[in-house]
Amino acid sequence: MDLPKAIQELYAEKRRLEEAIASLEELLASKGGAASLHLEQLRAKGRRGRKSMPPEERRKVSERMRKYWAQRRGNKARGAGKGPA
């Protein structure tokens, strides 16, 4: 097997594939925003989804946020009577 020739053929095939990909990307981009948005998703290495959370942890977060928002509402109600002097 002639290695330099094999490498040369692979580079030629790579160029052809890159040209084909580029023309398909142009076609997608010309169709509008939704298609180009999908194109960007395809280019991304991987999608990052939400991490799964066990029910116990979800309950703790829920309680913590309930307390947080109750405190925020309480502070807002106390400060409502005060105005600029």
Protein backbone atom coordinates (compact mmCIF):
# COMPACT_ATOMS: atom_id res chain seq x y z
CA MET A 1 0.00 0.00 0.00
CA ASP A 2 1.32 3.41 -0.99
CA LEU A 3 0.83 5.53 2.15
CA PRO A 4 1.52 8.96 0.62
CA LYS A 5 -1.01 8.24 -2.15
CA ALA A 6 -3.61 7.02 0.38
CA ILE A 7 -3.11 10.18 2.45
CA GLN A 8 -3.45 12.34 -0.66
CA GLU A 9 -6.71 10.60 -1.60
CA LEU A 10 -8.07 11.05 1.92
CA TYR A 11 -7.27 14.78 1.84
CA ALA A 12 -9.05 15.06 -1.52
CA GLU A 13 -12.09 13.29 -0.10
CA LYS A 14 -11.98 15.56 2.96
CA ARG A 15 -12.03 18.63 0.70
CA ARG A 16 -15.01 17.26 -1.23
CA LEU A 17 -16.88 16.58 2.01
CA GLU A 18 -16.11 20.04 3.40
CA GLU A 19 -17.40 21.62 0.18
CA ALA A 20 -20.57 19.53 0.33
CA ILE A 21 -21.12 20.46 3.99
CA ALA A 22 -20.54 24.15 3.23
CA SER A 23 -23.07 24.15 0.40
CA LEU A 24 -25.66 22.40 2.57
CA GLU A 25 -25.05 24.91 5.37
CA GLU A 26 -25.58 27.78 2.93
CA LEU A 27 -28.81 26.18 1.79
CA LEU A 28 -30.00 25.87 5.39
CA ALA A 29 -29.00 29.43 6.23
CA SER A 30 -30.84 30.81 3.20
CA LYS A 31 -34.10 29.17 4.34
CA GLY A 32 -34.39 31.42 7.39
CA GLY A 33 -33.79 31.79 11.08
CA ALA A 34 -35.17 28.49 12.31
CA ALA A 35 -33.00 26.49 9.93
CA SER A 36 -29.87 28.43 10.83
CA LEU A 37 -30.66 28.01 14.52
CA HIS A 38 -30.89 24.27 13.97
CA LEU A 39 -27.56 24.45 12.15
CA GLU A 40 -25.93 26.02 15.21
CA GLN A 41 -27.31 23.20 17.36
CA LEU A 42 -25.81 20.65 14.99
CA ARG A 43 -22.43 22.34 15.22
CA ALA A 44 -22.41 22.21 19.02
CA LYS A 45 -20.35 19.42 20.51
CA GLY A 46 -23.16 18.13 22.62
CA ARG A 47 -26.37 19.30 24.16
CA ARG A 48 -26.29 20.14 27.78
CA GLY A 49 -29.54 19.12 29.35
CA ARG A 50 -30.82 19.65 32.82
CA LYS A 51 -29.35 17.39 35.40
CA SER A 52 -31.75 14.94 36.90
CA MET A 53 -32.63 15.58 40.50
CA PRO A 54 -33.80 12.98 42.97
CA PRO A 55 -37.18 13.67 44.62
CA GLU A 56 -35.61 14.38 48.02
CA GLU A 57 -33.28 17.02 46.60
CA ARG A 58 -36.16 18.52 44.58
CA ARG A 59 -38.21 18.81 47.79
CA LYS A 60 -35.34 20.53 49.62
CA VAL A 61 -34.87 23.03 46.80
CA SER A 62 -38.61 23.68 46.73
CA GLU A 63 -38.69 24.41 50.47
CA ARG A 64 -35.64 26.63 50.23
CA MET A 65 -37.16 28.65 47.39
CA ARG A 66 -40.51 28.93 49.22
CA LYS A 67 -38.69 30.46 52.20
CA TYR A 68 -36.66 32.74 49.93
CA TRP A 69 -39.73 34.14 48.16
CA ALA A 70 -41.69 34.49 51.42
CA GLN A 71 -38.84 36.57 52.79
CA ARG A 72 -38.68 38.66 49.60
CA ARG A 73 -42.42 39.34 49.76
CA GLY A 74 -42.12 40.22 53.45
CA ASN A 75 -39.34 42.74 52.83
CA LYS A 76 -41.28 44.32 49.97
CA ALA A 77 -44.43 44.69 52.13
CA ARG A 78 -42.46 46.34 54.97
CA GLY A 79 -40.76 48.76 52.58
CA ALA A 80 -43.99 49.66 50.75
CA GLY A 81 -45.00 52.38 53.24
CA LYS A 82 -41.68 54.17 52.96
CA GLY A 83 -41.31 56.72 50.23
CA PRO A 84 -38.62 59.16 49.18
CA ALA A 85 -38.37 61.97 51.73
